[in-house]
């Protein structure tokens, strides 16, 4: 028989096994989004509205390309994690597992396609 104090029993990641990791992941992505969203809006606003050659020249510069790429990755991962939480809360069983796989696959496909389009536009 093991005699554990309440603190020893509670120490760890929690009942789900990943609550602390998810909390910190969401906190970090939220903090990153504070400067990234305004930068994204101003960068995108300054880049659109011209001819194709002007837009291509604008996004071939390092700063707009990096801001767009970082914004794409951080925003998509943040939304994916939020969708996973909603799915875990309201779905159960096989449907939950399939929905989690589908959300992850969609998010990573969206990131890959967006980065490919950005690289193709920048080069």
PDB file of N, CA and C in Angstrom:
ATOM      1  N   UNK A   1       0.847  -1.172   0.000  1.00  0.00           N
ATOM      2  CA  UNK A   1       0.000   0.000   0.000  1.00  0.00           C
ATOM      3  C   UNK A   1       0.892   1.236   0.000  1.00  0.00           C
ATOM      4  N   UNK A   2       0.553   2.176  -0.849  1.00  0.00           N
ATOM      5  CA  UNK A   2       1.355   3.388  -0.955  1.00  0.00           C
ATOM      6  C   UNK A   2       0.671   4.522  -0.218  1.00  0.00           C
ATOM      7  N   UNK A   3       1.451   5.214   0.556  1.00  0.00           N
ATOM      8  CA  UNK A   3       0.927   6.366   1.287  1.00  0.00           C
ATOM      9  C   UNK A   3       1.455   7.627   0.610  1.00  0.00           C
ATOM     10  N   UNK A   4       0.574   8.285  -0.135  1.00  0.00           N
ATOM     11  CA  UNK A   4       0.951   9.501  -0.843  1.00  0.00           C
ATOM     12  C   UNK A   4       0.181  10.684  -0.277  1.00  0.00           C
ATOM     13  N   UNK A   5       0.844  11.785  -0.208  1.00  0.00           N
ATOM     14  CA  UNK A   5       0.154  13.004   0.201  1.00  0.00           C
ATOM     15  C   UNK A   5      -0.668  13.514  -0.969  1.00  0.00           C
ATOM     16  N   UNK A   6      -1.569  14.439  -0.689  1.00  0.00           N
ATOM     17  CA  UNK A   6      -2.390  15.016  -1.750  1.00  0.00           C
ATOM     18  C   UNK A   6      -1.527  15.704  -2.797  1.00  0.00           C
ATOM     19  N   UNK A   7      -0.466  16.338  -2.337  1.00  0.00           N
ATOM     20  CA  UNK A   7       0.427  17.035  -3.273  1.00  0.00           C
ATOM     21  C   UNK A   7       1.108  16.039  -4.205  1.00  0.00           C
ATOM     22  N   UNK A   8       1.550  14.909  -3.666  1.00  0.00           N
ATOM     23  CA  UNK A   8       2.214  13.907  -4.494  1.00  0.00           C
ATOM     24  C   UNK A   8       1.242  13.303  -5.509  1.00  0.00           C
ATOM     25  N   UNK A   9      -0.003  13.110  -5.118  1.00  0.00           N
ATOM     26  CA  UNK A   9      -0.990  12.561  -6.052  1.00  0.00           C
ATOM     27  C   UNK A   9      -1.339  13.562  -7.149  1.00  0.00           C
ATOM     28  N   UNK A  10      -1.345  14.851  -6.835  1.00  0.00           N
ATOM     29  CA  UNK A  10      -1.736  15.874  -7.797  1.00  0.00           C
ATOM     30  C   UNK A  10      -0.592  16.320  -8.690  1.00  0.00           C
ATOM     31  N   UNK A  11       0.633  16.014  -8.297  1.00  0.00           N
ATOM     32  CA  UNK A  11       1.795  16.467  -9.061  1.00  0.00           C
ATOM     33  C   UNK A  11       1.864  15.732 -10.397  1.00  0.00           C
ATOM     34  N   UNK A  12       1.989  16.455 -11.483  1.00  0.00           N
ATOM     35  CA  UNK A  12       2.080  15.836 -12.801  1.00  0.00           C
ATOM     36  C   UNK A  12       1.319  16.636 -13.827  1.00  0.00           C
ATOM     37  N   UNK A  13       0.888  15.945 -14.857  1.00  0.00           N
ATOM     38  CA  UNK A  13       0.239  16.619 -15.971  1.00  0.00           C
ATOM     39  C   UNK A  13      -1.275  16.669 -15.868  1.00  0.00           C
ATOM     40  N   UNK A  14      -1.870  16.019 -14.901  1.00  0.00           N
ATOM     41  CA  UNK A  14      -3.313  16.039 -14.770  1.00  0.00           C
ATOM     42  C   UNK A  14      -3.929  14.756 -15.298  1.00  0.00           C
ATOM     43  N   UNK A  15      -5.259  14.696 -15.256  1.00  0.00           N
ATOM     44  CA  UNK A  15      -5.967  13.476 -15.605  1.00  0.00           C
ATOM     45  C   UNK A  15      -5.802  13.113 -17.073  1.00  0.00           C
ATOM     46  N   UNK A  16      -5.788  14.105 -17.959  1.00  0.00           N
ATOM     47  CA  UNK A  16      -5.658  13.841 -19.386  1.00  0.00           C
ATOM     48  C   UNK A  16      -4.235  13.569 -19.807  1.00  0.00           C
ATOM     49  N   UNK A  17      -3.287  13.965 -18.997  1.00  0.00           N
ATOM     50  CA  UNK A  17      -1.887  13.719 -19.301  1.00  0.00           C
ATOM     51  C   UNK A  17      -1.231  14.787 -20.148  1.00  0.00           C
ATOM     52  N   UNK A  18      -1.987  15.769 -20.631  1.00  0.00           N
ATOM     53  CA  UNK A  18      -1.368  16.778 -21.483  1.00  0.00           C
ATOM     54  C   UNK A  18      -1.933  18.175 -21.255  1.00  0.00           C
ATOM     55  N   UNK A  19      -2.608  18.388 -20.171  1.00  0.00           N
ATOM     56  CA  UNK A  19      -3.234  19.686 -19.929  1.00  0.00           C
ATOM     57  C   UNK A  19      -2.242  20.817 -19.770  1.00  0.00           C
ATOM     58  N   UNK A  20      -1.167  20.584 -19.047  1.00  0.00           N
ATOM     59  CA  UNK A  20      -0.175  21.631 -18.836  1.00  0.00           C
ATOM     60  C   UNK A  20       0.528  21.990 -20.135  1.00  0.00           C
ATOM     61  N   UNK A  21       0.868  20.971 -20.921  1.00  0.00           N
ATOM     62  CA  UNK A  21       1.533  21.217 -22.204  1.00  0.00           C
ATOM     63  C   UNK A  21       0.624  22.022 -23.127  1.00  0.00           C
ATOM     64  N   UNK A  22      -0.646  21.640 -23.192  1.00  0.00           N
ATOM     65  CA  UNK A  22      -1.572  22.364 -24.057  1.00  0.00           C
ATOM     66  C   UNK A  22      -1.757  23.804 -23.589  1.00  0.00           C
ATOM     67  N   UNK A  23      -1.849  24.010 -22.277  1.00  0.00           N
ATOM     68  CA  UNK A  23      -2.007  25.364 -21.743  1.00  0.00           C
ATOM     69  C   UNK A  23      -0.816  26.240 -22.132  1.00  0.00           C
ATOM     70  N   UNK A  24       0.393  25.736 -21.949  1.00  0.00           N
ATOM     71  CA  UNK A  24       1.575  26.528 -22.289  1.00  0.00           C
ATOM     72  C   UNK A  24       1.678  26.751 -23.792  1.00  0.00           C
ATOM     73  N   UNK A  25       1.315  25.759 -24.569  1.00  0.00           N
ATOM     74  CA  UNK A  25       1.338  25.910 -26.021  1.00  0.00           C
ATOM     75  C   UNK A  25       0.380  27.017 -26.468  1.00  0.00           C
ATOM     76  N   UNK A  26      -0.801  27.059 -25.884  1.00  0.00           N
ATOM     77  CA  UNK A  26      -1.769  28.092 -26.235  1.00  0.00           C
ATOM     78  C   UNK A  26      -1.324  29.468 -25.723  1.00  0.00           C
ATOM     79  N   UNK A  27      -0.706  29.509 -24.561  1.00  0.00           N
ATOM     80  CA  UNK A  27      -0.219  30.790 -24.037  1.00  0.00           C
ATOM     81  C   UNK A  27       0.884  31.356 -24.921  1.00  0.00           C
ATOM     82  N   UNK A  28       1.820  30.518 -25.340  1.00  0.00           N
ATOM     83  CA  UNK A  28       2.925  30.978 -26.183  1.00  0.00           C
ATOM     84  C   UNK A  28       2.397  31.445 -27.533  1.00  0.00           C
ATOM     85  N   UNK A  29       1.493  30.662 -28.143  1.00  0.00           N
ATOM     86  CA  UNK A  29       0.977  31.078 -29.443  1.00  0.00           C
ATOM     87  C   UNK A  29       0.136  32.347 -29.320  1.00  0.00           C
ATOM     88  N   UNK A  30      -0.586  32.513 -28.222  1.00  0.00           N
ATOM     89  CA  UNK A  30      -1.364  33.744 -28.020  1.00  0.00           C
ATOM     90  C   UNK A  30      -0.453  34.954 -27.880  1.00  0.00           C
ATOM     91  N   UNK A  31       0.633  34.792 -27.147  1.00  0.00           N
ATOM     92  CA  UNK A  31       1.583  35.900 -26.979  1.00  0.00           C
ATOM     93  C   UNK A  31       2.246  36.231 -28.309  1.00  0.00           C
ATOM     94  N   UNK A  32       2.560  35.210 -29.105  1.00  0.00           N
ATOM     95  CA  UNK A  32       3.155  35.458 -30.418  1.00  0.00           C
ATOM     96  C   UNK A  32       2.177  36.158 -31.355  1.00  0.00           C
ATOM     97  N   UNK A  33       0.898  35.879 -31.201  1.00  0.00           N
ATOM     98  CA  UNK A  33      -0.099  36.489 -32.083  1.00  0.00           C
ATOM     99  C   UNK A  33      -0.306  37.973 -31.813  1.00  0.00           C
ATOM    100  N   UNK A  34       0.016  38.431 -30.610  1.00  0.00           N
ATOM    101  CA  UNK A  34      -0.183  39.857 -30.286  1.00  0.00           C
ATOM    102  C   UNK A  34       0.604  40.758 -31.238  1.00  0.00           C
ATOM    103  N   UNK A  35       1.903  40.557 -31.468  1.00  0.00           N
ATOM    104  CA  UNK A  35       2.576  41.413 -32.444  1.00  0.00           C
ATOM    105  C   UNK A  35       2.405  40.928 -33.887  1.00  0.00           C
ATOM    106  N   UNK A  36       2.177  39.621 -34.075  1.00  0.00           N
ATOM    107  CA  UNK A  36       2.108  39.101 -35.441  1.00  0.00           C
ATOM    108  C   UNK A  36       0.859  39.539 -36.202  1.00  0.00           C
ATOM    109  N   UNK A  37      -0.277  39.607 -35.531  1.00  0.00           N
ATOM    110  CA  UNK A  37      -1.515  39.959 -36.239  1.00  0.00           C
ATOM    111  C   UNK A  37      -1.465  41.389 -36.790  1.00  0.00           C
ATOM    112  N   UNK A  38      -1.076  42.409 -36.010  1.00  0.00           N
ATOM    113  CA  UNK A  38      -0.959  43.733 -36.619  1.00  0.00           C
ATOM    114  C   UNK A  38       0.106  43.788 -37.723  1.00  0.00           C
ATOM    115  N   UNK A  39       1.241  43.122 -37.504  1.00  0.00           N
ATOM    116  CA  UNK A  39       2.261  43.075 -38.563  1.00  0.00           C
ATOM    117  C   UNK A  39       1.713  42.408 -39.819  1.00  0.00           C
ATOM    118  N   UNK A  40       0.963  41.335 -39.639  1.00  0.00           N
ATOM    119  CA  UNK A  40       0.355  40.631 -40.770  1.00  0.00           C
ATOM    120  C   UNK A  40      -0.606  41.547 -41.524  1.00  0.00           C
ATOM    121  N   UNK A  41      -1.444  42.253 -40.793  1.00  0.00           N
ATOM    122  CA  UNK A  41      -2.433  43.122 -41.434  1.00  0.00           C
ATOM    123  C   UNK A  41      -1.753  44.255 -42.204  1.00  0.00           C
ATOM    124  N   UNK A  42      -0.769  44.912 -41.584  1.00  0.00           N
ATOM    125  CA  UNK A  42      -0.090  46.013 -42.266  1.00  0.00           C
ATOM    126  C   UNK A  42       0.766  45.513 -43.428  1.00  0.00           C
ATOM    127  N   UNK A  43       1.395  44.361 -43.272  1.00  0.00           N
ATOM    128  CA  UNK A  43       2.214  43.815 -44.350  1.00  0.00           C
ATOM    129  C   UNK A  43       1.348  43.400 -45.529  1.00  0.00           C
ATOM    130  N   UNK A  44       0.248  42.721 -45.249  1.00  0.00           N
ATOM    131  CA  UNK A  44      -0.646  42.303 -46.323  1.00  0.00           C
ATOM    132  C   UNK A  44      -1.284  43.519 -46.989  1.00  0.00           C
ATOM    133  N   UNK A  45      -1.676  44.504 -46.180  1.00  0.00           N
ATOM    134  CA  UNK A  45      -2.287  45.707 -46.747  1.00  0.00           C
ATOM    135  C   UNK A  45      -1.340  46.491 -47.634  1.00  0.00           C
ATOM    136  N   UNK A  46      -0.067  46.523 -47.268  1.00  0.00           N
ATOM    137  CA  UNK A  46       0.908  47.248 -48.084  1.00  0.00           C
ATOM    138  C   UNK A  46       1.278  46.466 -49.340  1.00  0.00           C
ATOM    139  N   UNK A  47       1.080  45.156 -49.309  1.00  0.00           N
ATOM    140  CA  UNK A  47       1.504  44.330 -50.433  1.00  0.00           C
ATOM    141  C   UNK A  47       0.475  44.161 -51.522  1.00  0.00           C
ATOM    142  N   UNK A  48      -0.793  44.295 -51.190  1.00  0.00           N
ATOM    143  CA  UNK A  48      -1.817  44.054 -52.205  1.00  0.00           C
ATOM    144  C   UNK A  48      -2.221  45.357 -52.882  1.00  0.00           C
ATOM    145  N   UNK A  49      -2.860  45.212 -54.013  1.00  0.00           N
ATOM    146  CA  UNK A  49      -3.384  46.380 -54.713  1.00  0.00           C
ATOM    147  C   UNK A  49      -2.596  46.799 -55.938  1.00  0.00           C
ATOM    148  N   UNK A  50      -1.446  46.198 -56.178  1.00  0.00           N
ATOM    149  CA  UNK A  50      -0.641  46.557 -57.339  1.00  0.00           C
ATOM    150  C   UNK A  50      -0.735  45.505 -58.426  1.00  0.00           C
ATOM    151  N   UNK A  51       0.081  45.654 -59.393  1.00  0.00           N
ATOM    152  CA  UNK A  51       0.148  44.647 -60.446  1.00  0.00           C
ATOM    153  C   UNK A  51       0.845  43.404 -59.899  1.00  0.00           C
ATOM    154  N   UNK A  52       0.808  42.327 -60.676  1.00  0.00           N
ATOM    155  CA  UNK A  52       1.428  41.080 -60.234  1.00  0.00           C
ATOM    156  C   UNK A  52       2.917  41.266 -59.997  1.00  0.00           C
ATOM    157  N   UNK A  53       3.574  42.013 -60.868  1.00  0.00           N
ATOM    158  CA  UNK A  53       5.016  42.229 -60.729  1.00  0.00           C
ATOM    159  C   UNK A  53       5.341  43.027 -59.472  1.00  0.00           C
ATOM    160  N   UNK A  54       4.504  44.016 -59.137  1.00  0.00           N
ATOM    161  CA  UNK A  54       4.728  44.803 -57.922  1.00  0.00           C
ATOM    162  C   UNK A  54       4.522  43.958 -56.669  1.00  0.00           C
ATOM    163  N   UNK A  55       3.480  43.147 -56.680  1.00  0.00           N
ATOM    164  CA  UNK A  55       3.215  42.273 -55.532  1.00  0.00           C
ATOM    165  C   UNK A  55       4.331  41.248 -55.379  1.00  0.00           C
ATOM    166  N   UNK A  56       4.777  40.692 -56.497  1.00  0.00           N
ATOM    167  CA  UNK A  56       5.864  39.714 -56.453  1.00  0.00           C
ATOM    168  C   UNK A  56       7.156  40.358 -55.946  1.00  0.00           C
ATOM    169  N   UNK A  57       7.432  41.568 -56.375  1.00  0.00           N
ATOM    170  CA  UNK A  57       8.625  42.268 -55.903  1.00  0.00           C
ATOM    171  C   UNK A  57       8.521  42.583 -54.412  1.00  0.00           C
ATOM    172  N   UNK A  58       7.320  42.932 -53.944  1.00  0.00           N
ATOM    173  CA  UNK A  58       7.133  43.255 -52.529  1.00  0.00           C
ATOM    174  C   UNK A  58       7.352  42.021 -51.656  1.00  0.00           C
ATOM    175  N   UNK A  59       6.762  40.896 -52.044  1.00  0.00           N
ATOM    176  CA  UNK A  59       6.877  39.693 -51.226  1.00  0.00           C
ATOM    177  C   UNK A  59       8.184  38.946 -51.443  1.00  0.00           C
ATOM    178  N   UNK A  60       8.988  39.373 -52.369  1.00  0.00           N
ATOM    179  CA  UNK A  60      10.309  38.757 -52.514  1.00  0.00           C
ATOM    180  C   UNK A  60      11.316  39.374 -51.541  1.00  0.00           C
ATOM    181  N   UNK A  61      10.924  40.468 -50.894  1.00  0.00           N
ATOM    182  CA  UNK A  61      11.779  41.040 -49.844  1.00  0.00           C
ATOM    183  C   UNK A  61      11.667  40.180 -48.592  1.00  0.00           C
ATOM    184  N   UNK A  62      12.730  40.116 -47.783  1.00  0.00           N
ATOM    185  CA  UNK A  62      12.728  39.193 -46.636  1.00  0.00           C
ATOM    186  C   UNK A  62      11.683  39.501 -45.555  1.00  0.00           C
ATOM    187  N   UNK A  63      11.541  40.754 -45.166  1.00  0.00           N
ATOM    188  CA  UNK A  63      10.645  41.076 -44.053  1.00  0.00           C
ATOM    189  C   UNK A  63       9.193  40.691 -44.331  1.00  0.00           C
ATOM    190  N   UNK A  64       8.594  41.106 -45.463  1.00  0.00           N
ATOM    191  CA  UNK A  64       7.203  40.693 -45.702  1.00  0.00           C
ATOM    192  C   UNK A  64       7.042  39.180 -45.827  1.00  0.00           C
ATOM    193  N   UNK A  65       8.013  38.510 -46.441  1.00  0.00           N
ATOM    194  CA  UNK A  65       7.907  37.059 -46.600  1.00  0.00           C
ATOM    195  C   UNK A  65       7.979  36.356 -45.242  1.00  0.00           C
ATOM    196  N   UNK A  66       8.869  36.809 -44.368  1.00  0.00           N
ATOM    197  CA  UNK A  66       9.005  36.193 -43.041  1.00  0.00           C
ATOM    198  C   UNK A  66       7.754  36.452 -42.197  1.00  0.00           C
ATOM    199  N   UNK A  67       7.235  37.667 -42.235  1.00  0.00           N
ATOM    200  CA  UNK A  67       6.030  37.991 -41.468  1.00  0.00           C
ATOM    201  C   UNK A  67       4.856  37.146 -41.949  1.00  0.00           C
ATOM    202  N   UNK A  68       4.704  37.017 -43.256  1.00  0.00           N
ATOM    203  CA  UNK A  68       3.599  36.225 -43.791  1.00  0.00           C
ATOM    204  C   UNK A  68       3.755  34.748 -43.432  1.00  0.00           C
ATOM    205  N   UNK A  69       4.954  34.215 -43.542  1.00  0.00           N
ATOM    206  CA  UNK A  69       5.185  32.811 -43.216  1.00  0.00           C
ATOM    207  C   UNK A  69       4.959  32.514 -41.741  1.00  0.00           C
ATOM    208  N   UNK A  70       5.507  33.352 -40.861  1.00  0.00           N
ATOM    209  CA  UNK A  70       5.301  33.162 -39.423  1.00  0.00           C
ATOM    210  C   UNK A  70       3.834  33.293 -39.047  1.00  0.00           C
ATOM    211  N   UNK A  71       3.172  34.258 -39.619  1.00  0.00           N
ATOM    212  CA  UNK A  71       1.751  34.444 -39.326  1.00  0.00           C
ATOM    213  C   UNK A  71       0.944  33.229 -39.769  1.00  0.00           C
ATOM    214  N   UNK A  72       1.233  32.736 -40.944  1.00  0.00           N
ATOM    215  CA  UNK A  72       0.520  31.562 -41.449  1.00  0.00           C
ATOM    216  C   UNK A  72       0.689  30.373 -40.512  1.00  0.00           C
ATOM    217  N   UNK A  73       1.903  30.106 -40.105  1.00  0.00           N
ATOM    218  CA  UNK A  73       2.178  28.942 -39.254  1.00  0.00           C
ATOM    219  C   UNK A  73       1.557  29.111 -37.872  1.00  0.00           C
ATOM    220  N   UNK A  74       1.774  30.249 -37.231  1.00  0.00           N
ATOM    221  CA  UNK A  74       1.301  30.439 -35.854  1.00  0.00           C
ATOM    222  C   UNK A  74      -0.223  30.494 -35.807  1.00  0.00           C
ATOM    223  N   UNK A  75      -0.852  31.207 -36.715  1.00  0.00           N
ATOM    224  CA  UNK A  75      -2.312  31.311 -36.713  1.00  0.00           C
ATOM    225  C   UNK A  75      -2.946  29.951 -36.982  1.00  0.00           C
ATOM    226  N   UNK A  76      -2.420  29.215 -37.946  1.00  0.00           N
ATOM    227  CA  UNK A  76      -2.999  27.915 -38.276  1.00  0.00           C
ATOM    228  C   UNK A  76      -2.828  26.918 -37.132  1.00  0.00           C
ATOM    229  N   UNK A  77      -1.661  26.879 -36.511  1.00  0.00           N
ATOM    230  CA  UNK A  77      -1.459  25.963 -35.383  1.00  0.00           C
ATOM    231  C   UNK A  77      -2.332  26.343 -34.189  1.00  0.00           C
ATOM    232  N   UNK A  78      -2.500  27.642 -33.953  1.00  0.00           N
ATOM    233  CA  UNK A  78      -3.358  28.097 -32.859  1.00  0.00           C
ATOM    234  C   UNK A  78      -4.809  27.664 -33.109  1.00  0.00           C
ATOM    235  N   UNK A  79      -5.292  27.862 -34.326  1.00  0.00           N
ATOM    236  CA  UNK A  79      -6.659  27.459 -34.653  1.00  0.00           C
ATOM    237  C   UNK A  79      -6.821  25.942 -34.605  1.00  0.00           C
ATOM    238  N   UNK A  80      -5.789  25.204 -35.016  1.00  0.00           N
ATOM    239  CA  UNK A  80      -5.852  23.743 -34.960  1.00  0.00           C
ATOM    240  C   UNK A  80      -5.981  23.275 -33.509  1.00  0.00           C
ATOM    241  N   UNK A  81      -5.198  23.864 -32.616  1.00  0.00           N
ATOM    242  CA  UNK A  81      -5.274  23.471 -31.210  1.00  0.00           C
ATOM    243  C   UNK A  81      -6.630  23.819 -30.600  1.00  0.00           C
ATOM    244  N   UNK A  82      -7.193  24.957 -30.974  1.00  0.00           N
ATOM    245  CA  UNK A  82      -8.521  25.324 -30.480  1.00  0.00           C
ATOM    246  C   UNK A  82      -9.584  24.370 -31.002  1.00  0.00           C
ATOM    247  N   UNK A  83      -9.476  23.987 -32.274  1.00  0.00           N
ATOM    248  CA  UNK A  83     -10.436  23.033 -32.843  1.00  0.00           C
ATOM    249  C   UNK A  83     -10.309  21.670 -32.166  1.00  0.00           C
ATOM    250  N   UNK A  84      -9.087  21.264 -31.855  1.00  0.00           N
ATOM    251  CA  UNK A  84      -8.896  19.986 -31.162  1.00  0.00           C
ATOM    252  C   UNK A  84      -9.551  19.992 -29.789  1.00  0.00           C
ATOM    253  N   UNK A  85      -9.451  21.098 -29.074  1.00  0.00           N
ATOM    254  CA  UNK A  85     -10.086  21.196 -27.755  1.00  0.00           C
ATOM    255  C   UNK A  85     -11.599  21.085 -27.895  1.00  0.00           C
ATOM    256  N   UNK A  86     -12.173  21.755 -28.872  1.00  0.00           N
ATOM    257  CA  UNK A  86     -13.619  21.687 -29.079  1.00  0.00           C
ATOM    258  C   UNK A  86     -14.045  20.262 -29.440  1.00  0.00           C
ATOM    259  N   UNK A  87     -13.268  19.604 -30.287  1.00  0.00           N
ATOM    260  CA  UNK A  87     -13.591  18.223 -30.662  1.00  0.00           C
ATOM    261  C   UNK A  87     -13.495  17.302 -29.455  1.00  0.00           C
ATOM    262  N   UNK A  88     -12.457  17.455 -28.638  1.00  0.00           N
ATOM    263  CA  UNK A  88     -12.300  16.613 -27.449  1.00  0.00           C
ATOM    264  C   UNK A  88     -13.431  16.837 -26.448  1.00  0.00           C
ATOM    265  N   UNK A  89     -13.968  18.054 -26.411  1.00  0.00           N
ATOM    266  CA  UNK A  89     -15.042  18.351 -25.467  1.00  0.00           C
ATOM    267  C   UNK A  89     -16.389  17.798 -25.919  1.00  0.00           C
ATOM    268  N   UNK A  90     -16.665  17.809 -27.218  1.00  0.00           N
ATOM    269  CA  UNK A  90     -18.015  17.518 -27.688  1.00  0.00           C
ATOM    270  C   UNK A  90     -18.162  16.236 -28.497  1.00  0.00           C
ATOM    271  N   UNK A  91     -17.086  15.578 -28.836  1.00  0.00           N
ATOM    272  CA  UNK A  91     -17.176  14.317 -29.590  1.00  0.00           C
ATOM    273  C   UNK A  91     -16.489  13.219 -28.790  1.00  0.00           C
ATOM    274  N   UNK A  92     -16.909  11.982 -29.030  1.00  0.00           N
ATOM    275  CA  UNK A  92     -16.334  10.860 -28.297  1.00  0.00           C
ATOM    276  C   UNK A  92     -16.239   9.647 -29.222  1.00  0.00           C
ATOM    277  N   UNK A  93     -15.349   8.740 -28.873  1.00  0.00           N
ATOM    278  CA  UNK A  93     -15.231   7.481 -29.597  1.00  0.00           C
ATOM    279  C   UNK A  93     -14.477   7.621 -30.904  1.00  0.00           C
ATOM    280  N   UNK A  94     -14.911   6.830 -31.868  1.00  0.00           N
ATOM    281  CA  UNK A  94     -14.250   6.790 -33.172  1.00  0.00           C
ATOM    282  C   UNK A  94     -14.407   8.111 -33.913  1.00  0.00           C
ATOM    283  N   UNK A  95     -15.557   8.738 -33.783  1.00  0.00           N
ATOM    284  CA  UNK A  95     -15.781  10.025 -34.456  1.00  0.00           C
ATOM    285  C   UNK A  95     -14.788  11.072 -33.968  1.00  0.00           C
ATOM    286  N   UNK A  96     -14.490  11.056 -32.671  1.00  0.00           N
ATOM    287  CA  UNK A  96     -13.516  11.999 -32.121  1.00  0.00           C
ATOM    288  C   UNK A  96     -12.133  11.762 -32.719  1.00  0.00           C
ATOM    289  N   UNK A  97     -11.721  10.511 -32.777  1.00  0.00           N
ATOM    290  CA  UNK A  97     -10.395  10.196 -33.317  1.00  0.00           C
ATOM    291  C   UNK A  97     -10.291  10.586 -34.782  1.00  0.00           C
ATOM    292  N   UNK A  98     -11.334  10.279 -35.559  1.00  0.00           N
ATOM    293  CA  UNK A  98     -11.308  10.645 -36.980  1.00  0.00           C
ATOM    294  C   UNK A  98     -11.307  12.160 -37.174  1.00  0.00           C
ATOM    295  N   UNK A  99     -12.072  12.868 -36.359  1.00  0.00           N
ATOM    296  CA  UNK A  99     -12.120  14.324 -36.466  1.00  0.00           C
ATOM    297  C   UNK A  99     -10.775  14.947 -36.091  1.00  0.00           C
ATOM    298  N   UNK A 100     -10.111  14.408 -35.064  1.00  0.00           N
ATOM    299  CA  UNK A 100      -8.795  14.927 -34.669  1.00  0.00           C
ATOM    300  C   UNK A 100      -7.768  14.712 -35.775  1.00  0.00           C
ATOM    301  N   UNK A 101      -7.809  13.550 -36.400  1.00  0.00           N
ATOM    302  CA  UNK A 101      -6.888  13.274 -37.511  1.00  0.00           C
ATOM    303  C   UNK A 101      -7.187  14.210 -38.680  1.00  0.00           C
ATOM    304  N   UNK A 102      -8.469  14.413 -38.970  1.00  0.00           N
ATOM    305  CA  UNK A 102      -8.851  15.278 -40.091  1.00  0.00           C
ATOM    306  C   UNK A 102      -8.435  16.723 -39.845  1.00  0.00           C
ATOM    307  N   UNK A 103      -8.617  17.219 -38.638  1.00  0.00           N
ATOM    308  CA  UNK A 103      -8.232  18.600 -38.322  1.00  0.00           C
ATOM    309  C   UNK A 103      -6.727  18.768 -38.438  1.00  0.00           C
ATOM    310  N   UNK A 104      -5.966  17.813 -37.902  1.00  0.00           N
ATOM    311  CA  UNK A 104      -4.510  17.885 -38.002  1.00  0.00           C
ATOM    312  C   UNK A 104      -4.032  17.825 -39.442  1.00  0.00           C
ATOM    313  N   UNK A 105      -4.604  16.913 -40.222  1.00  0.00           N
ATOM    314  CA  UNK A 105      -4.210  16.787 -41.625  1.00  0.00           C
ATOM    315  C   UNK A 105      -4.551  18.057 -42.406  1.00  0.00           C
ATOM    316  N   UNK A 106      -5.728  18.615 -42.148  1.00  0.00           N
ATOM    317  CA  UNK A 106      -6.126  19.839 -42.846  1.00  0.00           C
ATOM    318  C   UNK A 106      -5.211  20.998 -42.479  1.00  0.00           C
ATOM    319  N   UNK A 107      -4.887  21.135 -41.213  1.00  0.00           N
ATOM    320  CA  UNK A 107      -4.048  22.252 -40.774  1.00  0.00           C
ATOM    321  C   UNK A 107      -2.650  22.159 -41.365  1.00  0.00           C
ATOM    322  N   UNK A 108      -2.043  20.984 -41.309  1.00  0.00           N
ATOM    323  CA  UNK A 108      -0.688  20.846 -41.850  1.00  0.00           C
ATOM    324  C   UNK A 108      -0.662  20.950 -43.376  1.00  0.00           C
ATOM    325  N   UNK A 109      -1.733  20.504 -44.034  1.00  0.00           N
ATOM    326  CA  UNK A 109      -1.836  20.684 -45.489  1.00  0.00           C
ATOM    327  C   UNK A 109      -1.959  22.159 -45.834  1.00  0.00           C
ATOM    328  N   UNK A 110      -2.746  22.883 -45.046  1.00  0.00           N
ATOM    329  CA  UNK A 110      -2.908  24.323 -45.263  1.00  0.00           C
ATOM    330  C   UNK A 110      -1.589  25.059 -45.061  1.00  0.00           C
ATOM    331  N   UNK A 111      -0.824  24.681 -44.052  1.00  0.00           N
ATOM    332  CA  UNK A 111       0.484  25.296 -43.809  1.00  0.00           C
ATOM    333  C   UNK A 111       1.428  25.005 -44.964  1.00  0.00           C
ATOM    334  N   UNK A 112       1.470  23.759 -45.394  1.00  0.00           N
ATOM    335  CA  UNK A 112       2.370  23.389 -46.494  1.00  0.00           C
ATOM    336  C   UNK A 112       2.003  24.109 -47.785  1.00  0.00           C
ATOM    337  N   UNK A 113       0.715  24.167 -48.094  1.00  0.00           N
ATOM    338  CA  UNK A 113       0.281  24.849 -49.315  1.00  0.00           C
ATOM    339  C   UNK A 113       0.561  26.351 -49.246  1.00  0.00           C
ATOM    340  N   UNK A 114       0.317  26.946 -48.086  1.00  0.00           N
ATOM    341  CA  UNK A 114       0.570  28.380 -47.927  1.00  0.00           C
ATOM    342  C   UNK A 114       2.043  28.727 -48.035  1.00  0.00           C
ATOM    343  N   UNK A 115       2.891  27.932 -47.389  1.00  0.00           N
ATOM    344  CA  UNK A 115       4.335  28.190 -47.477  1.00  0.00           C
ATOM    345  C   UNK A 115       4.854  27.943 -48.888  1.00  0.00           C
ATOM    346  N   UNK A 116       4.322  26.923 -49.569  1.00  0.00           N
ATOM    347  CA  UNK A 116       4.715  26.685 -50.953  1.00  0.00           C
ATOM    348  C   UNK A 116       4.317  27.866 -51.833  1.00  0.00           C
ATOM    349  N   UNK A 117       3.120  28.394 -51.652  1.00  0.00           N
ATOM    350  CA  UNK A 117       2.677  29.544 -52.445  1.00  0.00           C
ATOM    351  C   UNK A 117       3.526  30.777 -52.137  1.00  0.00           C
ATOM    352  N   UNK A 118       3.885  30.966 -50.881  1.00  0.00           N
ATOM    353  CA  UNK A 118       4.710  32.107 -50.498  1.00  0.00           C
ATOM    354  C   UNK A 118       6.109  31.993 -51.102  1.00  0.00           C
ATOM    355  N   UNK A 119       6.689  30.813 -51.043  1.00  0.00           N
ATOM    356  CA  UNK A 119       8.016  30.615 -51.623  1.00  0.00           C
ATOM    357  C   UNK A 119       7.970  30.791 -53.141  1.00  0.00           C
ATOM    358  N   UNK A 120       6.929  30.261 -53.770  1.00  0.00           N
ATOM    359  CA  UNK A 120       6.791  30.409 -55.220  1.00  0.00           C
ATOM    360  C   UNK A 120       6.613  31.885 -55.602  1.00  0.00           C
ATOM    361  N   UNK A 121       5.885  32.628 -54.796  1.00  0.00           N
ATOM    362  CA  UNK A 121       5.695  34.057 -55.065  1.00  0.00           C
ATOM    363  C   UNK A 121       6.987  34.827 -54.810  1.00  0.00           C
ATOM    364  N   UNK A 122       7.723  34.457 -53.776  1.00  0.00           N
ATOM    365  CA  UNK A 122       8.925  35.197 -53.405  1.00  0.00           C
ATOM    366  C   UNK A 122      10.095  34.913 -54.320  1.00  0.00           C
ATOM    367  N   UNK A 123      10.144  33.729 -54.916  1.00  0.00           N
ATOM    368  CA  UNK A 123      11.288  33.401 -55.770  1.00  0.00           C
ATOM    369  C   UNK A 123      10.978  33.632 -57.191  1.00  0.00           C
TER     370      UNK A 123
END
